[in-house]
Amino acid sequence: MSDVPPSRPRSGWRCGFLIQMLVTLLATTAVRATRPTVTYRALSLSASSLEIGLIQSAFSIVPALTTVASVAGSTASVNPAA
């Protein structure tokens, strides 16, 4: 084994990391604030229980699909034979 020291991260990595964390925080806050707002608006428009359930399930479908797509994309690059 060689005694090569581990590579050091770039000097500006903290700024990039903080920006990513800020964007994630804002996106999460927006989704969490939108869910009850949309539900209350649907209730004010006399939506049925089924319609409310469909609206709420729509908030779970998009993240589930993007997660499956990102996992499938990452495994395809790891295992090119598949």
N, C-alpha and C. Protein backbone atom coordinates (compact mmCIF):
# COMPACT_ATOMS: atom_id res chain seq x y z
N MET A 1 0.83 -1.18 0.00
CA MET A 1 0.00 0.00 0.00
C MET A 1 0.88 1.24 0.00
N SER A 2 0.41 2.25 -0.67
CA SER A 2 1.17 3.50 -0.71
C SER A 2 0.70 4.43 0.40
N ASP A 3 1.58 5.31 0.77
CA ASP A 3 1.27 6.27 1.83
C ASP A 3 0.86 7.61 1.23
N VAL A 4 -0.11 7.57 0.34
CA VAL A 4 -0.60 8.80 -0.29
C VAL A 4 -1.65 9.41 0.63
N PRO A 5 -1.48 10.67 0.99
CA PRO A 5 -2.49 11.29 1.87
C PRO A 5 -3.81 11.46 1.12
N PRO A 6 -4.91 11.43 1.85
CA PRO A 6 -6.20 11.61 1.19
C PRO A 6 -6.30 13.01 0.57
N SER A 7 -7.03 13.09 -0.53
CA SER A 7 -7.16 14.38 -1.19
C SER A 7 -8.01 15.31 -0.33
N ARG A 8 -7.68 16.57 -0.37
CA ARG A 8 -8.40 17.56 0.42
C ARG A 8 -9.52 18.14 -0.44
N PRO A 9 -10.65 18.45 0.17
CA PRO A 9 -11.73 19.06 -0.60
C PRO A 9 -11.34 20.47 -1.05
N ARG A 10 -12.00 20.92 -2.10
CA ARG A 10 -11.73 22.27 -2.58
C ARG A 10 -12.03 23.28 -1.49
N SER A 11 -11.42 24.42 -1.59
CA SER A 11 -11.56 25.42 -0.53
C SER A 11 -12.98 26.00 -0.47
N GLY A 12 -13.72 26.03 -1.58
CA GLY A 12 -15.04 26.63 -1.58
C GLY A 12 -16.17 25.64 -1.37
N TRP A 13 -15.88 24.44 -0.92
CA TRP A 13 -16.92 23.41 -0.79
C TRP A 13 -17.95 23.80 0.27
N ARG A 14 -17.55 24.52 1.29
CA ARG A 14 -18.51 24.88 2.34
C ARG A 14 -19.58 25.81 1.81
N CYS A 15 -19.20 26.75 0.98
CA CYS A 15 -20.17 27.69 0.42
C CYS A 15 -21.18 26.93 -0.45
N GLY A 16 -20.71 26.03 -1.29
CA GLY A 16 -21.60 25.23 -2.12
C GLY A 16 -22.51 24.36 -1.29
N PHE A 17 -21.97 23.78 -0.23
CA PHE A 17 -22.77 22.93 0.65
C PHE A 17 -23.86 23.74 1.34
N LEU A 18 -23.51 24.92 1.81
CA LEU A 18 -24.50 25.77 2.48
C LEU A 18 -25.60 26.21 1.51
N ILE A 19 -25.23 26.49 0.28
CA ILE A 19 -26.23 26.86 -0.72
C ILE A 19 -27.17 25.69 -0.98
N GLN A 20 -26.63 24.49 -1.10
CA GLN A 20 -27.47 23.30 -1.31
C GLN A 20 -28.40 23.08 -0.13
N MET A 21 -27.91 23.27 1.07
CA MET A 21 -28.75 23.09 2.25
C MET A 21 -29.85 24.15 2.29
N LEU A 22 -29.53 25.38 1.91
CA LEU A 22 -30.53 26.44 1.89
C LEU A 22 -31.62 26.16 0.86
N VAL A 23 -31.23 25.71 -0.32
CA VAL A 23 -32.21 25.38 -1.36
C VAL A 23 -33.09 24.23 -0.91
N THR A 24 -32.51 23.22 -0.28
CA THR A 24 -33.29 22.09 0.22
C THR A 24 -34.27 22.54 1.30
N LEU A 25 -33.82 23.39 2.18
CA LEU A 25 -34.70 23.91 3.24
C LEU A 25 -35.87 24.68 2.64
N LEU A 26 -35.59 25.54 1.67
CA LEU A 26 -36.66 26.33 1.05
C LEU A 26 -37.64 25.44 0.28
N ALA A 27 -37.14 24.45 -0.43
CA ALA A 27 -38.02 23.56 -1.19
C ALA A 27 -38.90 22.74 -0.25
N THR A 28 -38.32 22.23 0.82
CA THR A 28 -39.09 21.45 1.79
C THR A 28 -40.15 22.32 2.47
N THR A 29 -39.78 23.53 2.82
CA THR A 29 -40.73 24.45 3.44
C THR A 29 -41.88 24.76 2.49
N ALA A 30 -41.56 24.96 1.22
CA ALA A 30 -42.60 25.28 0.24
C ALA A 30 -43.59 24.13 0.09
N VAL A 31 -43.09 22.91 0.02
CA VAL A 31 -43.98 21.75 -0.13
C VAL A 31 -44.82 21.56 1.13
N ARG A 32 -44.18 21.67 2.28
CA ARG A 32 -44.93 21.47 3.53
C ARG A 32 -45.94 22.58 3.78
N ALA A 33 -45.71 23.77 3.27
CA ALA A 33 -46.68 24.85 3.41
C ALA A 33 -47.80 24.73 2.38
N THR A 34 -47.50 24.16 1.23
CA THR A 34 -48.48 24.05 0.16
C THR A 34 -49.52 22.97 0.44
N ARG A 35 -49.11 21.87 1.03
CA ARG A 35 -50.04 20.76 1.27
C ARG A 35 -51.30 21.17 2.03
N PRO A 36 -51.18 21.77 3.20
CA PRO A 36 -52.43 22.15 3.90
C PRO A 36 -53.17 23.28 3.19
N THR A 37 -52.44 24.17 2.53
CA THR A 37 -53.09 25.27 1.83
C THR A 37 -53.99 24.75 0.72
N VAL A 38 -53.47 23.80 -0.05
CA VAL A 38 -54.26 23.22 -1.14
C VAL A 38 -55.46 22.45 -0.58
N THR A 39 -55.25 21.74 0.51
CA THR A 39 -56.34 20.99 1.13
C THR A 39 -57.44 21.92 1.63
N TYR A 40 -57.06 22.98 2.31
CA TYR A 40 -58.06 23.93 2.80
C TYR A 40 -58.80 24.61 1.65
N ARG A 41 -58.09 24.90 0.59
CA ARG A 41 -58.75 25.51 -0.57
C ARG A 41 -59.75 24.52 -1.18
N ALA A 42 -59.36 23.26 -1.29
CA ALA A 42 -60.28 22.25 -1.83
C ALA A 42 -61.49 22.09 -0.92
N LEU A 43 -61.28 22.12 0.39
CA LEU A 43 -62.41 22.04 1.32
C LEU A 43 -63.35 23.24 1.16
N SER A 44 -62.78 24.41 0.94
CA SER A 44 -63.63 25.60 0.76
C SER A 44 -64.42 25.54 -0.54
N LEU A 45 -63.93 24.73 -1.50
CA LEU A 45 -64.65 24.54 -2.76
C LEU A 45 -65.57 23.31 -2.70
N SER A 46 -65.81 22.79 -1.50
CA SER A 46 -66.70 21.65 -1.24
C SER A 46 -66.22 20.37 -1.91
N ALA A 47 -64.93 20.09 -1.79
CA ALA A 47 -64.39 18.85 -2.34
C ALA A 47 -64.80 17.67 -1.46
N SER A 48 -64.98 16.52 -2.10
CA SER A 48 -65.35 15.32 -1.35
C SER A 48 -64.12 14.71 -0.69
N SER A 49 -64.34 13.72 0.15
CA SER A 49 -63.23 13.04 0.83
C SER A 49 -62.32 12.36 -0.18
N LEU A 50 -62.90 11.79 -1.22
CA LEU A 50 -62.11 11.15 -2.26
C LEU A 50 -61.21 12.17 -2.96
N GLU A 51 -61.75 13.31 -3.27
CA GLU A 51 -60.96 14.35 -3.95
C GLU A 51 -59.84 14.87 -3.06
N ILE A 52 -60.11 15.03 -1.79
CA ILE A 52 -59.07 15.46 -0.85
C ILE A 52 -57.97 14.40 -0.78
N GLY A 53 -58.36 13.14 -0.73
CA GLY A 53 -57.38 12.06 -0.70
C GLY A 53 -56.53 12.02 -1.96
N LEU A 54 -57.15 12.25 -3.11
CA LEU A 54 -56.39 12.28 -4.36
C LEU A 54 -55.41 13.45 -4.40
N ILE A 55 -55.85 14.58 -3.90
CA ILE A 55 -54.96 15.75 -3.86
C ILE A 55 -53.76 15.47 -2.95
N GLN A 56 -54.02 14.90 -1.78
CA GLN A 56 -52.93 14.62 -0.86
C GLN A 56 -51.99 13.52 -1.39
N SER A 57 -52.55 12.54 -2.06
CA SER A 57 -51.69 11.48 -2.60
C SER A 57 -50.81 12.00 -3.73
N ALA A 58 -51.27 13.04 -4.42
CA ALA A 58 -50.45 13.62 -5.50
C ALA A 58 -49.15 14.20 -4.94
N PHE A 59 -49.17 14.66 -3.71
CA PHE A 59 -47.95 15.18 -3.10
C PHE A 59 -46.94 14.08 -2.81
N SER A 60 -47.38 12.83 -2.73
CA SER A 60 -46.47 11.71 -2.48
C SER A 60 -46.01 11.02 -3.75
N ILE A 61 -46.76 11.13 -4.80
CA ILE A 61 -46.43 10.42 -6.03
C ILE A 61 -45.18 11.00 -6.69
N VAL A 62 -45.10 12.32 -6.79
CA VAL A 62 -43.97 12.94 -7.48
C VAL A 62 -42.64 12.62 -6.79
N PRO A 63 -42.51 12.77 -5.46
CA PRO A 63 -41.24 12.39 -4.84
C PRO A 63 -40.90 10.90 -5.00
N ALA A 64 -41.91 10.06 -4.96
CA ALA A 64 -41.66 8.62 -5.13
C ALA A 64 -41.13 8.33 -6.53
N LEU A 65 -41.71 8.96 -7.53
CA LEU A 65 -41.24 8.73 -8.90
C LEU A 65 -39.85 9.29 -9.14
N THR A 66 -39.55 10.44 -8.59
CA THR A 66 -38.21 11.00 -8.78
C THR A 66 -37.17 10.19 -8.03
N THR A 67 -37.53 9.62 -6.89
CA THR A 67 -36.59 8.77 -6.17
C THR A 67 -36.30 7.51 -6.96
N VAL A 68 -37.33 6.89 -7.50
CA VAL A 68 -37.13 5.68 -8.30
C VAL A 68 -36.30 6.00 -9.53
N ALA A 69 -36.54 7.15 -10.15
CA ALA A 69 -35.78 7.52 -11.35
C ALA A 69 -34.32 7.78 -11.00
N SER A 70 -34.05 8.43 -9.88
CA SER A 70 -32.66 8.72 -9.53
C SER A 70 -31.93 7.45 -9.11
N VAL A 71 -32.60 6.54 -8.43
CA VAL A 71 -31.97 5.28 -8.04
C VAL A 71 -31.70 4.43 -9.28
N ALA A 72 -32.64 4.38 -10.19
CA ALA A 72 -32.45 3.62 -11.42
C ALA A 72 -31.32 4.21 -12.25
N GLY A 73 -31.21 5.52 -12.29
CA GLY A 73 -30.13 6.16 -13.03
C GLY A 73 -28.77 5.91 -12.41
N SER A 74 -28.70 5.88 -11.09
CA SER A 74 -27.42 5.67 -10.43
C SER A 74 -26.97 4.22 -10.53
N THR A 75 -27.89 3.27 -10.52
CA THR A 75 -27.47 1.87 -10.66
C THR A 75 -27.08 1.54 -12.08
N ALA A 76 -27.66 2.24 -13.04
CA ALA A 76 -27.30 2.00 -14.44
C ALA A 76 -25.87 2.43 -14.70
N SER A 77 -25.40 3.49 -14.05
CA SER A 77 -24.04 3.93 -14.25
C SER A 77 -23.04 3.05 -13.49
N VAL A 78 -23.49 2.41 -12.41
CA VAL A 78 -22.62 1.55 -11.63
C VAL A 78 -22.46 0.20 -12.32
N ASN A 79 -23.55 -0.31 -12.88
CA ASN A 79 -23.54 -1.64 -13.50
C ASN A 79 -23.89 -1.49 -14.98
N PRO A 80 -22.93 -1.22 -15.85
CA PRO A 80 -23.25 -0.98 -17.27
C PRO A 80 -23.73 -2.22 -17.99
N ALA A 81 -23.51 -3.41 -17.44
CA ALA A 81 -23.92 -4.64 -18.10
C ALA A 81 -25.44 -4.86 -17.99
N ALA A 82 -26.07 -4.22 -17.02
CA ALA A 82 -27.50 -4.43 -16.80
C ALA A 82 -28.35 -3.74 -17.84
